[in-house]
Every structure is written in C-alpha cells, then in structure tokens.
Amino acid sequence: DLERVFEPFTQLDSTLARRYQGSGLGLYLSRALVAGHGGRLTLHSRAGAGTTAEVRLPAVQLVADGGG
C-alpha cells in the first residue's frame, strides 16, 4: 500500500475514527516537489518498526557553501 499514499487525497486509514487527520496531499506534494528537482522520494516500512522517507537529489542540484 505504500505507493497508494502518493496518490492525491488518499489516506490508507479511511475510517471516520482515524487517529490522524489531513487531506491526503502531503506525500503527493512532497514527491512532486522532489521530482521537480530531478530527485526521488521513496518510503521504506517495516511492520512494528515504522516508516522511513528517503529523498535522493542529483548532485548537480547542490549549492556550494559560499562561506558567508
């Protein structure tokens, strides 16, 4: 079901008594923003251990520290 969370207005818990509220747009917009910069947003999940979000951006997108 992890890929479904990237669909707009989608929540995995669709019951009316769900614990977390929201519109279901956060991960969709996050992935679109990362993709717009040439990157990739993926989720890794293990039952009972939680979920980790991984953002990978191409090195050409990095800005050197100007030291100032």
Protein backbone atom coordinates (compact mmCIF):
# COMPACT_ATOMS: atom_id res chain seq x y z
CA ASP A 1 0.00 0.00 0.00
CA LEU A 2 2.98 2.37 0.22
CA GLU A 3 2.64 3.54 -3.38
CA ARG A 4 -1.01 4.44 -2.73
CA VAL A 5 -0.03 7.12 -0.19
CA PHE A 6 1.48 9.16 -3.03
CA GLU A 7 -1.89 9.47 -4.77
CA PRO A 8 -3.64 12.82 -4.13
CA PHE A 9 -6.40 12.83 -1.48
CA THR A 10 -5.54 9.27 -0.41
CA GLN A 11 -5.12 8.00 3.13
CA LEU A 12 -4.53 4.38 4.00
CA ASP A 13 -6.82 4.67 7.03
CA SER A 14 -10.07 5.90 5.51
CA THR A 15 -12.28 5.23 8.55
CA LEU A 16 -14.09 8.14 10.15
CA ALA A 17 -12.46 7.34 13.51
CA ARG A 18 -8.87 7.51 12.17
CA ARG A 19 -6.16 8.77 14.51
CA TYR A 20 -4.56 11.28 12.15
CA GLN A 21 -6.41 13.92 10.21
CA GLY A 22 -5.41 15.52 6.95
CA SER A 23 -6.34 15.93 3.33
CA GLY A 24 -4.02 13.27 1.93
CA LEU A 25 -1.94 15.73 -0.09
CA GLY A 26 1.31 15.91 1.90
CA LEU A 27 3.20 12.98 0.39
CA TYR A 28 1.79 13.67 -3.07
CA LEU A 29 3.07 17.27 -2.97
CA SER A 30 6.39 16.25 -1.41
CA ARG A 31 7.06 13.71 -4.14
CA ALA A 32 6.10 16.23 -6.85
CA LEU A 33 8.45 18.84 -5.36
CA VAL A 34 11.36 16.38 -5.15
CA ALA A 35 10.67 15.12 -8.69
CA GLY A 36 10.64 18.72 -9.92
CA HIS A 37 14.24 18.98 -8.73
CA GLY A 38 15.19 15.77 -10.54
CA GLY A 39 15.08 13.65 -7.40
CA ARG A 40 13.19 10.72 -5.97
CA LEU A 41 11.14 10.27 -2.79
CA THR A 42 10.60 6.70 -1.58
CA LEU A 43 9.21 5.16 1.60
CA HIS A 44 10.57 2.11 3.41
CA SER A 45 8.36 0.46 6.01
CA ARG A 46 8.53 -2.48 8.40
CA ALA A 47 5.60 -3.63 10.49
CA GLY A 48 6.12 -2.58 14.10
CA ALA A 49 9.26 -0.58 13.26
CA GLY A 50 7.76 2.43 11.46
CA THR A 51 8.31 4.10 8.13
CA THR A 52 11.32 6.00 6.79
CA ALA A 53 11.16 8.56 3.98
CA GLU A 54 14.21 8.75 1.71
CA VAL A 55 14.87 11.76 -0.53
CA ARG A 56 17.57 11.50 -3.19
CA LEU A 57 18.57 14.55 -5.20
CA PRO A 58 21.10 14.68 -8.04
CA ALA A 59 24.47 16.15 -7.05
CA VAL A 60 24.16 18.83 -9.74
CA GLN A 61 21.33 20.35 -7.69
CA LEU A 62 23.60 21.01 -4.68
CA VAL A 63 24.69 24.55 -3.96
CA ALA A 64 28.21 25.08 -2.65
CA ASP A 65 28.52 26.82 0.72
CA GLY A 66 29.62 30.38 0.00
CA GLY A 67 31.08 30.69 3.48
CA GLY A 68 29.25 33.80 4.24
